[in-house]
Amino acid sequence: MNYITISASKPGAPAPKLEKRTSDERTYWIDCSTLLAPNELICGQVTHKCSEELNIPHSRTRQGRYLEFKVCGGPTTMPFVEYQVRFNVDTTNNNVVSVPLVLKVYSD
């Protein structure tokens, strides 16, 4: 499987940025290690918030520290749009980890 891996940013740091085209369907992995305490793992269901122009049909946790998601869609009338996306996932320490990112999508 082809995917791109990025690292989650610590609270207060700028969110990582990704790019794609409207017609692309991409899979990304986010390494959440920097947001976890020693021996803490991400687990459970992943929820997300994003624009309705984006479609995230698939998101899940992987290996206890990665968040995997697939994204498609984007603008059709603008040259590009930067979307703010936020994922939330539970951890084994009963915490909720929030993972923001910026997805810049270029129209075809």
Protein backbone atom coordinates (compact mmCIF):
# COMPACT_ATOMS: atom_id res chain seq x y z
CA MET A 1 0.00 0.00 0.00
CA ASN A 2 1.29 3.49 -0.83
CA TYR A 3 0.99 6.06 1.92
CA ILE A 4 2.76 9.16 3.19
CA THR A 5 3.78 9.35 6.86
CA ILE A 6 4.03 12.63 8.80
CA SER A 7 4.61 13.39 12.47
CA ALA A 8 1.95 14.98 14.64
CA SER A 9 2.92 18.35 16.05
CA LYS A 10 3.12 19.02 19.77
CA PRO A 11 0.52 21.40 21.26
CA GLY A 12 1.37 25.01 20.42
CA ALA A 13 3.46 24.09 17.36
CA PRO A 14 2.17 24.68 13.82
CA ALA A 15 0.06 21.83 12.45
CA PRO A 16 1.73 19.64 9.80
CA LYS A 17 0.79 20.43 6.21
CA LEU A 18 -0.11 17.99 3.45
CA GLU A 19 -0.92 18.61 -0.23
CA LYS A 20 -3.00 16.78 -2.83
CA ARG A 21 -5.15 17.40 -5.91
CA THR A 22 -8.97 17.25 -5.91
CA SER A 23 -9.00 14.12 -8.08
CA ASP A 24 -6.43 12.28 -5.90
CA GLU A 25 -7.41 9.69 -3.33
CA ARG A 26 -4.52 9.55 -0.85
CA THR A 27 -3.69 7.53 2.23
CA TYR A 28 -1.71 9.15 5.03
CA TRP A 29 -0.29 7.93 8.32
CA ILE A 30 0.26 10.34 11.21
CA ASP A 31 2.87 9.29 13.78
CA CYS A 32 1.35 10.35 17.13
CA SER A 33 4.35 9.32 19.27
CA THR A 34 5.15 12.93 20.22
CA LEU A 35 1.67 13.27 21.79
CA LEU A 36 1.84 10.14 23.93
CA ALA A 37 3.28 9.46 27.37
CA PRO A 38 5.73 6.56 27.82
CA ASN A 39 3.89 3.23 27.32
CA GLU A 40 0.70 5.03 26.20
CA LEU A 41 -0.95 3.90 22.97
CA ILE A 42 -3.71 5.29 20.79
CA CYS A 43 -6.71 2.98 20.52
CA GLY A 44 -10.38 2.91 19.73
CA GLN A 45 -12.42 4.75 17.17
CA VAL A 46 -11.02 7.79 15.33
CA THR A 47 -13.28 10.81 14.85
CA HIS A 48 -12.57 13.79 12.63
CA LYS A 49 -13.80 17.28 11.74
CA CYS A 50 -13.25 18.81 8.31
CA SER A 51 -14.98 20.68 5.49
CA GLU A 52 -17.81 18.94 3.66
CA GLU A 53 -15.82 19.33 0.41
CA LEU A 54 -13.38 16.72 1.72
CA ASN A 55 -14.30 13.08 2.09
CA ILE A 56 -12.49 10.97 4.68
CA PRO A 57 -14.09 7.54 4.11
CA HIS A 58 -11.57 5.63 6.19
CA SER A 59 -9.66 6.33 9.41
CA ARG A 60 -8.23 3.97 12.02
CA THR A 61 -5.38 3.48 14.47
CA ARG A 62 -2.35 1.40 13.50
CA GLN A 63 0.28 -0.23 15.73
CA GLY A 64 -0.77 1.85 18.74
CA ARG A 65 0.95 5.02 17.61
CA TYR A 66 -0.19 5.77 14.06
CA LEU A 67 -3.41 7.25 12.79
CA GLU A 68 -4.19 6.11 9.23
CA PHE A 69 -6.71 7.93 7.04
CA LYS A 70 -7.78 8.11 3.41
CA VAL A 71 -8.93 11.41 1.91
CA CYS A 72 -10.46 12.40 -1.42
CA GLY A 73 -12.32 15.42 -2.82
CA GLY A 74 -11.57 19.11 -2.63
CA PRO A 75 -12.35 22.36 -4.43
CA THR A 76 -13.79 22.47 -7.92
CA THR A 77 -14.17 26.24 -8.39
CA MET A 78 -11.09 27.64 -6.62
CA PRO A 79 -7.42 27.13 -7.63
CA PHE A 80 -6.71 25.69 -4.16
CA VAL A 81 -8.11 25.63 -0.63
CA GLU A 82 -6.33 24.99 2.69
CA TYR A 83 -8.55 22.85 4.88
CA GLN A 84 -8.20 22.55 8.64
CA VAL A 85 -8.65 18.91 9.68
CA ARG A 86 -8.71 17.63 13.25
CA PHE A 87 -8.67 13.99 14.37
CA ASN A 88 -9.48 12.83 17.90
CA VAL A 89 -8.62 9.42 19.30
CA ASP A 90 -8.64 7.79 22.73
CA THR A 91 -5.53 6.42 24.44
CA THR A 92 -4.83 3.55 26.80
CA ASN A 93 -4.33 6.14 29.60
CA ASN A 94 -7.95 7.37 29.20
CA ASN A 95 -6.82 10.54 27.43
CA VAL A 96 -8.16 11.99 24.19
CA VAL A 97 -5.43 12.98 21.74
CA SER A 98 -6.30 15.75 19.28
CA VAL A 99 -4.29 15.76 16.04
CA PRO A 100 -4.66 18.84 13.80
CA LEU A 101 -3.32 19.17 10.27
CA VAL A 102 -3.65 21.47 7.27
CA LEU A 103 -4.51 19.87 3.95
CA LYS A 104 -3.89 22.06 0.91
CA VAL A 105 -5.92 20.78 -2.02
CA TYR A 106 -5.37 22.03 -5.59
CA SER A 107 -8.27 21.81 -8.03
CA ASP A 108 -7.72 19.86 -11.24
